[in-house]
All heavy atoms as atom14 arrays in JSON, in Angstrom:
{
  "sequence": "HVGQGYEIVVTLPFEKLADVQLDEDLAPRFFEQYESVYGHAHKH",
  "atom14_mask": [
    [1, 1, 1, 1, 1, 1, 1, 1, 1, 1, 0, 0, 0, 0],
    [1, 1, 1, 1, 1, 1, 1, 0, 0, 0, 0, 0, 0, 0],
    [1, 1, 1, 1, 0, 0, 0, 0, 0, 0, 0, 0, 0, 0],
    [1, 1, 1, 1, 1, 1, 1, 1, 1, 0, 0, 0, 0, 0],
    [1, 1, 1, 1, 0, 0, 0, 0, 0, 0, 0, 0, 0, 0],
    [1, 1, 1, 1, 1, 1, 1, 1, 1, 1, 1, 1, 0, 0],
    [1, 1, 1, 1, 1, 1, 1, 1, 1, 0, 0, 0, 0, 0],
    [1, 1, 1, 1, 1, 1, 1, 1, 0, 0, 0, 0, 0, 0],
    [1, 1, 1, 1, 1, 1, 1, 0, 0, 0, 0, 0, 0, 0],
    [1, 1, 1, 1, 1, 1, 1, 0, 0, 0, 0, 0, 0, 0],
    [1, 1, 1, 1, 1, 1, 1, 0, 0, 0, 0, 0, 0, 0],
    [1, 1, 1, 1, 1, 1, 1, 1, 0, 0, 0, 0, 0, 0],
    [1, 1, 1, 1, 1, 1, 1, 0, 0, 0, 0, 0, 0, 0],
    [1, 1, 1, 1, 1, 1, 1, 1, 1, 1, 1, 0, 0, 0],
    [1, 1, 1, 1, 1, 1, 1, 1, 1, 0, 0, 0, 0, 0],
    [1, 1, 1, 1, 1, 1, 1, 1, 1, 0, 0, 0, 0, 0],
    [1, 1, 1, 1, 1, 1, 1, 1, 0, 0, 0, 0, 0, 0],
    [1, 1, 1, 1, 1, 0, 0, 0, 0, 0, 0, 0, 0, 0],
    [1, 1, 1, 1, 1, 1, 1, 1, 0, 0, 0, 0, 0, 0],
    [1, 1, 1, 1, 1, 1, 1, 0, 0, 0, 0, 0, 0, 0],
    [1, 1, 1, 1, 1, 1, 1, 1, 1, 0, 0, 0, 0, 0],
    [1, 1, 1, 1, 1, 1, 1, 1, 0, 0, 0, 0, 0, 0],
    [1, 1, 1, 1, 1, 1, 1, 1, 0, 0, 0, 0, 0, 0],
    [1, 1, 1, 1, 1, 1, 1, 1, 1, 0, 0, 0, 0, 0],
    [1, 1, 1, 1, 1, 1, 1, 1, 0, 0, 0, 0, 0, 0],
    [1, 1, 1, 1, 1, 1, 1, 1, 0, 0, 0, 0, 0, 0],
    [1, 1, 1, 1, 1, 0, 0, 0, 0, 0, 0, 0, 0, 0],
    [1, 1, 1, 1, 1, 1, 1, 0, 0, 0, 0, 0, 0, 0],
    [1, 1, 1, 1, 1, 1, 1, 1, 1, 1, 1, 0, 0, 0],
    [1, 1, 1, 1, 1, 1, 1, 1, 1, 1, 1, 0, 0, 0],
    [1, 1, 1, 1, 1, 1, 1, 1, 1, 1, 1, 0, 0, 0],
    [1, 1, 1, 1, 1, 1, 1, 1, 1, 0, 0, 0, 0, 0],
    [1, 1, 1, 1, 1, 1, 1, 1, 1, 0, 0, 0, 0, 0],
    [1, 1, 1, 1, 1, 1, 1, 1, 1, 1, 1, 1, 0, 0],
    [1, 1, 1, 1, 1, 1, 1, 1, 1, 0, 0, 0, 0, 0],
    [1, 1, 1, 1, 1, 1, 0, 0, 0, 0, 0, 0, 0, 0],
    [1, 1, 1, 1, 1, 1, 1, 0, 0, 0, 0, 0, 0, 0],
    [1, 1, 1, 1, 1, 1, 1, 1, 1, 1, 1, 1, 0, 0],
    [1, 1, 1, 1, 0, 0, 0, 0, 0, 0, 0, 0, 0, 0],
    [1, 1, 1, 1, 1, 1, 1, 1, 1, 1, 0, 0, 0, 0],
    [1, 1, 1, 1, 1, 0, 0, 0, 0, 0, 0, 0, 0, 0],
    [1, 1, 1, 1, 1, 1, 1, 1, 1, 1, 0, 0, 0, 0],
    [1, 1, 1, 1, 1, 1, 1, 1, 1, 0, 0, 0, 0, 0],
    [1, 1, 1, 1, 1, 1, 1, 1, 1, 1, 0, 0, 0, 0]
  ],
  "atom14_positions": [
    [[0.85, -1.19, 0.0], [0.0, 0.0, 0.0], [0.89, 1.24, 0.0], [2.0, 1.22, 0.56], [-0.88, 0.03, 1.25], [-1.95, -1.03, 1.26], [-2.97, -1.06, 0.34], [-2.17, -2.08, 2.1], [-3.76, -2.08, 0.6], [-3.31, -2.72, 1.66], [0.0, 0.0, 0.0], [0.0, 0.0, 0.0], [0.0, 0.0, 0.0], [0.0, 0.0, 0.0]],
    [[0.42, 2.31, -0.6], [1.2, 3.56, -0.62], [1.5, 4.01, 0.81], [0.6, 4.08, 1.65], [0.42, 4.66, -1.37], [1.13, 6.01, -1.22], [0.29, 4.29, -2.85], [0.0, 0.0, 0.0], [0.0, 0.0, 0.0], [0.0, 0.0, 0.0], [0.0, 0.0, 0.0], [0.0, 0.0, 0.0], [0.0, 0.0, 0.0], [0.0, 0.0, 0.0]],
    [[2.77, 4.26, 1.08], [3.16, 4.74, 2.39], [3.6, 3.66, 3.35], [4.15, 3.96, 4.42], [0.0, 0.0, 0.0], [0.0, 0.0, 0.0], [0.0, 0.0, 0.0], [0.0, 0.0, 0.0], [0.0, 0.0, 0.0], [0.0, 0.0, 0.0], [0.0, 0.0, 0.0], [0.0, 0.0, 0.0], [0.0, 0.0, 0.0], [0.0, 0.0, 0.0]],
    [[3.38, 2.39, 2.99], [3.82, 1.32, 3.87], [5.31, 1.1, 3.76], [5.95, 1.48, 2.78], [3.1, 0.01, 3.52], [1.7, -0.13, 4.1], [1.17, -1.53, 3.94], [1.36, -2.16, 2.91], [0.49, -2.02, 4.98], [0.0, 0.0, 0.0], [0.0, 0.0, 0.0], [0.0, 0.0, 0.0], [0.0, 0.0, 0.0], [0.0, 0.0, 0.0]],
    [[5.88, 0.45, 4.79], [7.3, 0.15, 4.77], [7.6, -1.31, 4.59], [8.76, -1.73, 4.71], [0.0, 0.0, 0.0], [0.0, 0.0, 0.0], [0.0, 0.0, 0.0], [0.0, 0.0, 0.0], [0.0, 0.0, 0.0], [0.0, 0.0, 0.0], [0.0, 0.0, 0.0], [0.0, 0.0, 0.0], [0.0, 0.0, 0.0], [0.0, 0.0, 0.0]],
    [[6.58, -2.12, 4.33], [6.79, -3.56, 4.17], [5.98, -4.05, 2.98], [4.83, -3.68, 2.79], [6.34, -4.31, 5.43], [6.6, -5.78, 5.38], [7.88, -6.3, 5.57], [5.56, -6.68, 5.11], [8.12, -7.66, 5.51], [5.8, -8.04, 5.05], [7.09, -8.53, 5.26], [7.33, -9.88, 5.18], [0.0, 0.0, 0.0], [0.0, 0.0, 0.0]],
    [[6.59, -4.91, 2.16], [5.97, -5.37, 0.93], [5.6, -6.85, 1.04], [6.12, -7.57, 1.88], [6.92, -5.2, -0.26], [7.5, -3.82, -0.42], [8.71, -3.59, 0.46], [9.44, -4.56, 0.76], [8.92, -2.44, 0.88], [0.0, 0.0, 0.0], [0.0, 0.0, 0.0], [0.0, 0.0, 0.0], [0.0, 0.0, 0.0], [0.0, 0.0, 0.0]],
    [[4.72, -7.3, 0.16], [4.48, -8.72, -0.03], [4.77, -9.05, -1.48], [4.63, -8.21, -2.37], [3.04, -9.13, 0.34], [2.02, -8.39, -0.54], [2.76, -8.86, 1.82], [0.6, -8.91, -0.32], [0.0, 0.0, 0.0], [0.0, 0.0, 0.0], [0.0, 0.0, 0.0], [0.0, 0.0, 0.0], [0.0, 0.0, 0.0], [0.0, 0.0, 0.0]],
    [[5.2, -10.28, -1.73], [5.56, -10.7, -3.08], [4.32, -11.28, -3.76], [3.69, -12.21, -3.25], [6.69, -11.75, -3.04], [7.06, -12.18, -4.46], [7.9, -11.2, -2.31], [0.0, 0.0, 0.0], [0.0, 0.0, 0.0], [0.0, 0.0, 0.0], [0.0, 0.0, 0.0], [0.0, 0.0, 0.0], [0.0, 0.0, 0.0], [0.0, 0.0, 0.0]],
    [[3.98, -10.73, -4.91], [2.78, -11.14, -5.65], [3.19, -11.68, -7.01], [3.97, -11.05, -7.73], [1.81, -9.95, -5.82], [0.59, -10.37, -6.63], [1.39, -9.4, -4.47], [0.0, 0.0, 0.0], [0.0, 0.0, 0.0], [0.0, 0.0, 0.0], [0.0, 0.0, 0.0], [0.0, 0.0, 0.0], [0.0, 0.0, 0.0], [0.0, 0.0, 0.0]],
    [[2.68, -12.86, -7.34], [2.97, -13.46, -8.64], [2.14, -12.78, -9.72], [0.95, -12.5, -9.53], [2.67, -14.97, -8.62], [3.48, -15.59, -7.63], [2.94, -15.6, -9.97], [0.0, 0.0, 0.0], [0.0, 0.0, 0.0], [0.0, 0.0, 0.0], [0.0, 0.0, 0.0], [0.0, 0.0, 0.0], [0.0, 0.0, 0.0], [0.0, 0.0, 0.0]],
    [[2.77, -12.52, -10.86], [2.1, -11.84, -11.99], [2.0, -12.81, -13.16], [2.92, -12.92, -13.98], [2.9, -10.59, -12.4], [3.21, -9.59, -11.28], [4.06, -8.45, -11.84], [1.93, -9.06, -10.65], [0.0, 0.0, 0.0], [0.0, 0.0, 0.0], [0.0, 0.0, 0.0], [0.0, 0.0, 0.0], [0.0, 0.0, 0.0], [0.0, 0.0, 0.0]],
    [[0.88, -13.53, -13.28], [0.75, -14.53, -14.35], [0.28, -13.91, -15.67], [-0.62, -14.44, -16.34], [-0.31, -15.48, -13.76], [-1.2, -14.59, -12.98], [-0.3, -13.5, -12.42], [0.0, 0.0, 0.0], [0.0, 0.0, 0.0], [0.0, 0.0, 0.0], [0.0, 0.0, 0.0], [0.0, 0.0, 0.0], [0.0, 0.0, 0.0], [0.0, 0.0, 0.0]],
    [[0.88, -12.8, -16.04], [0.46, -12.07, -17.24], [1.61, -12.05, -18.24], [2.74, -11.69, -17.89], [0.05, -10.64, -16.9], [-0.92, -10.54, -15.75], [-0.53, -10.0, -14.54], [-2.22, -11.0, -15.88], [-1.41, -9.89, -13.48], [-3.12, -10.91, -14.83], [-2.71, -10.36, -13.61], [0.0, 0.0, 0.0], [0.0, 0.0, 0.0], [0.0, 0.0, 0.0]],
    [[1.31, -12.43, -19.47], [2.35, -12.45, -20.49], [2.78, -11.04, -20.88], [3.95, -10.78, -21.14], [1.84, -13.2, -21.73], [2.91, -13.4, -22.79], [2.44, -14.31, -23.9], [1.46, -15.06, -23.7], [3.06, -14.27, -24.98], [0.0, 0.0, 0.0], [0.0, 0.0, 0.0], [0.0, 0.0, 0.0], [0.0, 0.0, 0.0], [0.0, 0.0, 0.0]],
    [[1.8, -10.11, -20.88], [2.1, -8.72, -21.24], [1.32, -7.81, -20.31], [0.08, -7.74, -20.37], [1.74, -8.46, -22.7], [2.31, -7.15, -23.24], [2.04, -7.01, -24.73], [2.65, -5.71, -25.27], [2.36, -5.54, -26.72], [0.0, 0.0, 0.0], [0.0, 0.0, 0.0], [0.0, 0.0, 0.0], [0.0, 0.0, 0.0], [0.0, 0.0, 0.0]],
    [[2.03, -7.1, -19.44], [1.37, -6.25, -18.46], [0.68, -5.04, -19.11], [-0.27, -4.5, -18.55], [2.39, -5.77, -17.42], [2.86, -6.84, -16.43], [4.06, -6.34, -15.64], [1.73, -7.25, -15.49], [0.0, 0.0, 0.0], [0.0, 0.0, 0.0], [0.0, 0.0, 0.0], [0.0, 0.0, 0.0], [0.0, 0.0, 0.0], [0.0, 0.0, 0.0]],
    [[1.16, -4.63, -20.25], [0.57, -3.48, -20.93], [-0.89, -3.73, -21.29], [-1.68, -2.78, -21.44], [1.37, -3.12, -22.18], [0.0, 0.0, 0.0], [0.0, 0.0, 0.0], [0.0, 0.0, 0.0], [0.0, 0.0, 0.0], [0.0, 0.0, 0.0], [0.0, 0.0, 0.0], [0.0, 0.0, 0.0], [0.0, 0.0, 0.0], [0.0, 0.0, 0.0]],
    [[-1.28, -5.01, -21.44], [-2.65, -5.36, -21.79], [-3.52, -5.64, -20.56], [-4.7, -5.97, -20.69], [-2.66, -6.6, -22.69], [-1.93, -6.35, -24.02], [-1.87, -5.18, -24.42], [-1.43, -7.33, -24.59], [0.0, 0.0, 0.0], [0.0, 0.0, 0.0], [0.0, 0.0, 0.0], [0.0, 0.0, 0.0], [0.0, 0.0, 0.0], [0.0, 0.0, 0.0]],
    [[-2.92, -5.49, -19.38], [-3.64, -5.8, -18.12], [-4.3, -4.55, -17.57], [-3.74, -3.45, -17.63], [-2.65, -6.39, -17.09], [-3.3, -6.5, -15.71], [-2.14, -7.75, -17.55], [0.0, 0.0, 0.0], [0.0, 0.0, 0.0], [0.0, 0.0, 0.0], [0.0, 0.0, 0.0], [0.0, 0.0, 0.0], [0.0, 0.0, 0.0], [0.0, 0.0, 0.0]],
    [[-5.5, -4.73, -17.01], [-6.17, -3.63, -16.33], [-5.79, -3.67, -14.86], [-6.03, -4.65, -14.17], [-7.69, -3.76, -16.48], [-8.19, -3.58, -17.9], [-7.84, -2.2, -18.45], [-8.07, -1.17, -17.79], [-7.26, -2.19, -19.66], [0.0, 0.0, 0.0], [0.0, 0.0, 0.0], [0.0, 0.0, 0.0], [0.0, 0.0, 0.0], [0.0, 0.0, 0.0]],
    [[-5.17, -2.58, -14.41], [-4.65, -2.54, -13.05], [-5.75, -2.8, -12.01], [-5.59, -3.65, -11.12], [-4.0, -1.18, -12.79], [-3.49, -0.93, -11.36], [-2.43, -1.94, -10.99], [-2.96, 0.49, -11.23], [0.0, 0.0, 0.0], [0.0, 0.0, 0.0], [0.0, 0.0, 0.0], [0.0, 0.0, 0.0], [0.0, 0.0, 0.0], [0.0, 0.0, 0.0]],
    [[-6.86, -2.08, -12.11], [-7.91, -2.17, -11.09], [-8.7, -3.47, -11.17], [-9.26, -3.91, -10.17], [-8.87, -0.98, -11.21], [-8.18, 0.35, -10.88], [-7.2, 0.31, -10.13], [-8.64, 1.39, -11.4], [0.0, 0.0, 0.0], [0.0, 0.0, 0.0], [0.0, 0.0, 0.0], [0.0, 0.0, 0.0], [0.0, 0.0, 0.0], [0.0, 0.0, 0.0]],
    [[-8.74, -4.09, -12.33], [-9.58, -5.28, -12.49], [-8.78, -6.58, -12.41], [-9.32, -7.62, -11.99], [-10.3, -5.22, -13.84], [-11.25, -4.04, -13.97], [-11.87, -3.95, -15.35], [-11.68, -4.91, -16.13], [-12.53, -2.95, -15.66], [0.0, 0.0, 0.0], [0.0, 0.0, 0.0], [0.0, 0.0, 0.0], [0.0, 0.0, 0.0], [0.0, 0.0, 0.0]],
    [[-7.51, -6.55, -12.8], [-6.73, -7.79, -12.89], [-5.59, -7.88, -11.87], [-5.43, -8.9, -11.2], [-6.14, -7.93, -14.31], [-7.21, -7.93, -15.37], [-8.25, -8.58, -15.16], [-7.01, -7.26, -16.41], [0.0, 0.0, 0.0], [0.0, 0.0, 0.0], [0.0, 0.0, 0.0], [0.0, 0.0, 0.0], [0.0, 0.0, 0.0], [0.0, 0.0, 0.0]],
    [[-4.81, -6.82, -11.75], [-3.61, -6.89, -10.92], [-3.88, -6.55, -9.46], [-3.5, -7.31, -8.55], [-2.53, -5.97, -11.49], [-1.08, -6.27, -11.11], [-0.12, -5.65, -12.1], [-0.75, -5.78, -9.71], [0.0, 0.0, 0.0], [0.0, 0.0, 0.0], [0.0, 0.0, 0.0], [0.0, 0.0, 0.0], [0.0, 0.0, 0.0], [0.0, 0.0, 0.0]],
    [[-4.54, -5.42, -9.2], [-4.78, -5.0, -7.82], [-5.54, -6.05, -7.01], [-5.2, -6.3, -5.85], [-5.51, -3.66, -7.79], [0.0, 0.0, 0.0], [0.0, 0.0, 0.0], [0.0, 0.0, 0.0], [0.0, 0.0, 0.0], [0.0, 0.0, 0.0], [0.0, 0.0, 0.0], [0.0, 0.0, 0.0], [0.0, 0.0, 0.0], [0.0, 0.0, 0.0]],
    [[-6.58, -6.7, -7.56], [-7.29, -7.73, -6.79], [-6.39, -8.87, -6.33], [-6.62, -9.45, -5.27], [-8.37, -8.22, -7.76], [-8.62, -7.04, -8.65], [-7.28, -6.41, -8.83], [0.0, 0.0, 0.0], [0.0, 0.0, 0.0], [0.0, 0.0, 0.0], [0.0, 0.0, 0.0], [0.0, 0.0, 0.0], [0.0, 0.0, 0.0], [0.0, 0.0, 0.0]],
    [[-5.36, -9.21, -7.11], [-4.43, -10.26, -6.7], [-3.67, -9.83, -5.45], [-3.44, -10.63, -4.54], [-3.45, -10.59, -7.83], [-4.1, -11.15, -9.08], [-3.05, -11.56, -10.1], [-2.21, -12.64, -9.6], [-2.51, -13.92, -9.66], [-3.66, -14.31, -10.21], [-1.7, -14.84, -9.19], [0.0, 0.0, 0.0], [0.0, 0.0, 0.0], [0.0, 0.0, 0.0]],
    [[-3.27, -8.57, -5.42], [-2.58, -8.05, -4.24], [-3.5, -8.06, -3.03], [-3.14, -8.53, -1.95], [-2.06, -6.64, -4.5], [-1.55, -5.95, -3.26], [-0.25, -6.17, -2.8], [-2.37, -5.08, -2.55], [0.21, -5.53, -1.66], [-1.91, -4.45, -1.41], [-0.62, -4.67, -0.96], [0.0, 0.0, 0.0], [0.0, 0.0, 0.0], [0.0, 0.0, 0.0]],
    [[-4.72, -7.55, -3.2], [-5.65, -7.46, -2.07], [-5.98, -8.84, -1.51], [-6.07, -9.04, -0.3], [-6.94, -6.75, -2.49], [-6.74, -5.3, -2.85], [-7.36, -4.74, -3.96], [-5.91, -4.49, -2.07], [-7.17, -3.41, -4.29], [-5.73, -3.15, -2.4], [-6.36, -2.61, -3.51], [0.0, 0.0, 0.0], [0.0, 0.0, 0.0], [0.0, 0.0, 0.0]],
    [[-6.17, -9.81, -2.4], [-6.5, -11.16, -1.95], [-5.36, -11.76, -1.12], [-5.58, -12.35, -0.06], [-6.78, -12.05, -3.16], [-7.13, -13.49, -2.79], [-7.36, -14.37, -4.01], [-7.24, -13.85, -5.15], [-7.64, -15.56, -3.83], [0.0, 0.0, 0.0], [0.0, 0.0, 0.0], [0.0, 0.0, 0.0], [0.0, 0.0, 0.0], [0.0, 0.0, 0.0]],
    [[-4.14, -11.58, -1.59], [-2.99, -12.12, -0.87], [-2.76, -11.36, 0.43], [-2.42, -11.94, 1.46], [-1.74, -12.06, -1.74], [-0.55, -12.79, -1.15], [0.57, -12.98, -2.18], [0.3, -13.07, -3.38], [1.8, -13.03, -1.7], [0.0, 0.0, 0.0], [0.0, 0.0, 0.0], [0.0, 0.0, 0.0], [0.0, 0.0, 0.0], [0.0, 0.0, 0.0]],
    [[-2.94, -10.06, 0.4], [-2.76, -9.23, 1.59], [-3.77, -9.63, 2.67], [-3.42, -9.74, 3.86], [-2.92, -7.76, 1.23], [-2.42, -6.79, 2.27], [-1.12, -6.29, 2.22], [-3.23, -6.37, 3.32], [-0.64, -5.4, 3.18], [-2.78, -5.48, 4.29], [-1.48, -5.0, 4.21], [-1.01, -4.13, 5.17], [0.0, 0.0, 0.0], [0.0, 0.0, 0.0]],
    [[-5.01, -9.87, 2.26], [-6.04, -10.26, 3.22], [-5.76, -11.63, 3.81], [-6.06, -11.89, 4.99], [-7.42, -10.25, 2.54], [-7.96, -8.86, 2.28], [-9.31, -8.9, 1.58], [-9.66, -9.97, 1.03], [-10.01, -7.87, 1.57], [0.0, 0.0, 0.0], [0.0, 0.0, 0.0], [0.0, 0.0, 0.0], [0.0, 0.0, 0.0], [0.0, 0.0, 0.0]],
    [[-5.19, -12.54, 3.02], [-4.91, -13.88, 3.54], [-3.84, -13.85, 4.62], [-3.81, -14.72, 5.5], [-4.45, -14.8, 2.38], [-3.16, -14.44, 1.91], [0.0, 0.0, 0.0], [0.0, 0.0, 0.0], [0.0, 0.0, 0.0], [0.0, 0.0, 0.0], [0.0, 0.0, 0.0], [0.0, 0.0, 0.0], [0.0, 0.0, 0.0], [0.0, 0.0, 0.0]],
    [[-2.96, -12.84, 4.57], [-1.89, -12.73, 5.57], [-2.33, -11.88, 6.76], [-2.12, -12.25, 7.92], [-0.62, -12.13, 4.93], [0.46, -11.93, 5.99], [-0.11, -13.04, 3.82], [0.0, 0.0, 0.0], [0.0, 0.0, 0.0], [0.0, 0.0, 0.0], [0.0, 0.0, 0.0], [0.0, 0.0, 0.0], [0.0, 0.0, 0.0], [0.0, 0.0, 0.0]],
    [[-2.95, -10.73, 6.47], [-3.25, -9.76, 7.53], [-4.73, -9.66, 7.89], [-5.09, -8.98, 8.85], [-2.74, -8.38, 7.13], [-1.25, -8.33, 6.93], [-0.7, -8.23, 5.66], [-0.37, -8.42, 8.01], [0.67, -8.2, 5.45], [0.99, -8.4, 7.83], [1.52, -8.29, 6.55], [2.88, -8.26, 6.36], [0.0, 0.0, 0.0], [0.0, 0.0, 0.0]],
    [[-5.6, -10.3, 7.12], [-7.02, -10.3, 7.45], [-7.81, -9.14, 6.87], [-9.04, -9.17, 6.83], [0.0, 0.0, 0.0], [0.0, 0.0, 0.0], [0.0, 0.0, 0.0], [0.0, 0.0, 0.0], [0.0, 0.0, 0.0], [0.0, 0.0, 0.0], [0.0, 0.0, 0.0], [0.0, 0.0, 0.0], [0.0, 0.0, 0.0], [0.0, 0.0, 0.0]],
    [[-7.14, -8.1, 6.41], [-7.85, -6.94, 5.86], [-6.92, -6.18, 4.93], [-5.73, -6.01, 5.21], [-8.32, -6.01, 6.99], [-8.97, -4.76, 6.49], [-10.24, -4.76, 5.91], [-8.54, -3.47, 6.47], [-10.55, -3.52, 5.56], [-9.55, -2.72, 5.88], [0.0, 0.0, 0.0], [0.0, 0.0, 0.0], [0.0, 0.0, 0.0], [0.0, 0.0, 0.0]],
    [[-7.46, -5.75, 3.82], [-6.7, -4.94, 2.85], [-7.36, -3.58, 2.72], [-8.59, -3.47, 2.71], [-6.64, -5.63, 1.49], [0.0, 0.0, 0.0], [0.0, 0.0, 0.0], [0.0, 0.0, 0.0], [0.0, 0.0, 0.0], [0.0, 0.0, 0.0], [0.0, 0.0, 0.0], [0.0, 0.0, 0.0], [0.0, 0.0, 0.0], [0.0, 0.0, 0.0]],
    [[-6.54, -2.54, 2.61], [-7.05, -1.17, 2.49], [-7.26, -0.86, 1.0], [-6.42, -0.24, 0.35], [-6.06, -0.19, 3.12], [-5.74, -0.54, 4.54], [-6.55, -0.22, 5.6], [-4.69, -1.21, 5.07], [-6.01, -0.65, 6.73], [-4.88, -1.26, 6.43], [0.0, 0.0, 0.0], [0.0, 0.0, 0.0], [0.0, 0.0, 0.0], [0.0, 0.0, 0.0]],
    [[-8.4, -1.27, 0.48], [-8.63, -1.2, -0.96], [-8.81, 0.22, -1.47], [-8.79, 0.45, -2.68], [-9.84, -2.07, -1.33], [-9.64, -3.54, -1.0], [-10.83, -4.38, -1.41], [-10.59, -5.84, -1.07], [-11.73, -6.7, -1.45], [0.0, 0.0, 0.0], [0.0, 0.0, 0.0], [0.0, 0.0, 0.0], [0.0, 0.0, 0.0], [0.0, 0.0, 0.0]],
    [[-8.98, 1.16, -0.56], [-9.13, 2.56, -0.99], [-7.77, 3.22, -1.23], [-7.69, 4.32, -1.77], [-9.89, 3.35, 0.07], [-9.18, 3.42, 1.4], [-9.12, 2.34, 2.26], [-8.5, 4.43, 2.0], [-8.45, 2.69, 3.33], [-8.06, 3.95, 3.2], [0.0, 0.0, 0.0], [0.0, 0.0, 0.0], [0.0, 0.0, 0.0], [0.0, 0.0, 0.0]]
  ]
}
């Protein structure tokens, strides 16, 4: 998340990121993984 000091590693199963929609394809992968570790993701 913007402003955080700790990251999580997210796998990107996309052949070409330029064709990916950030809000629909990539960000949800981060939120899902973040929630599995910390229980809540700050989606805003």
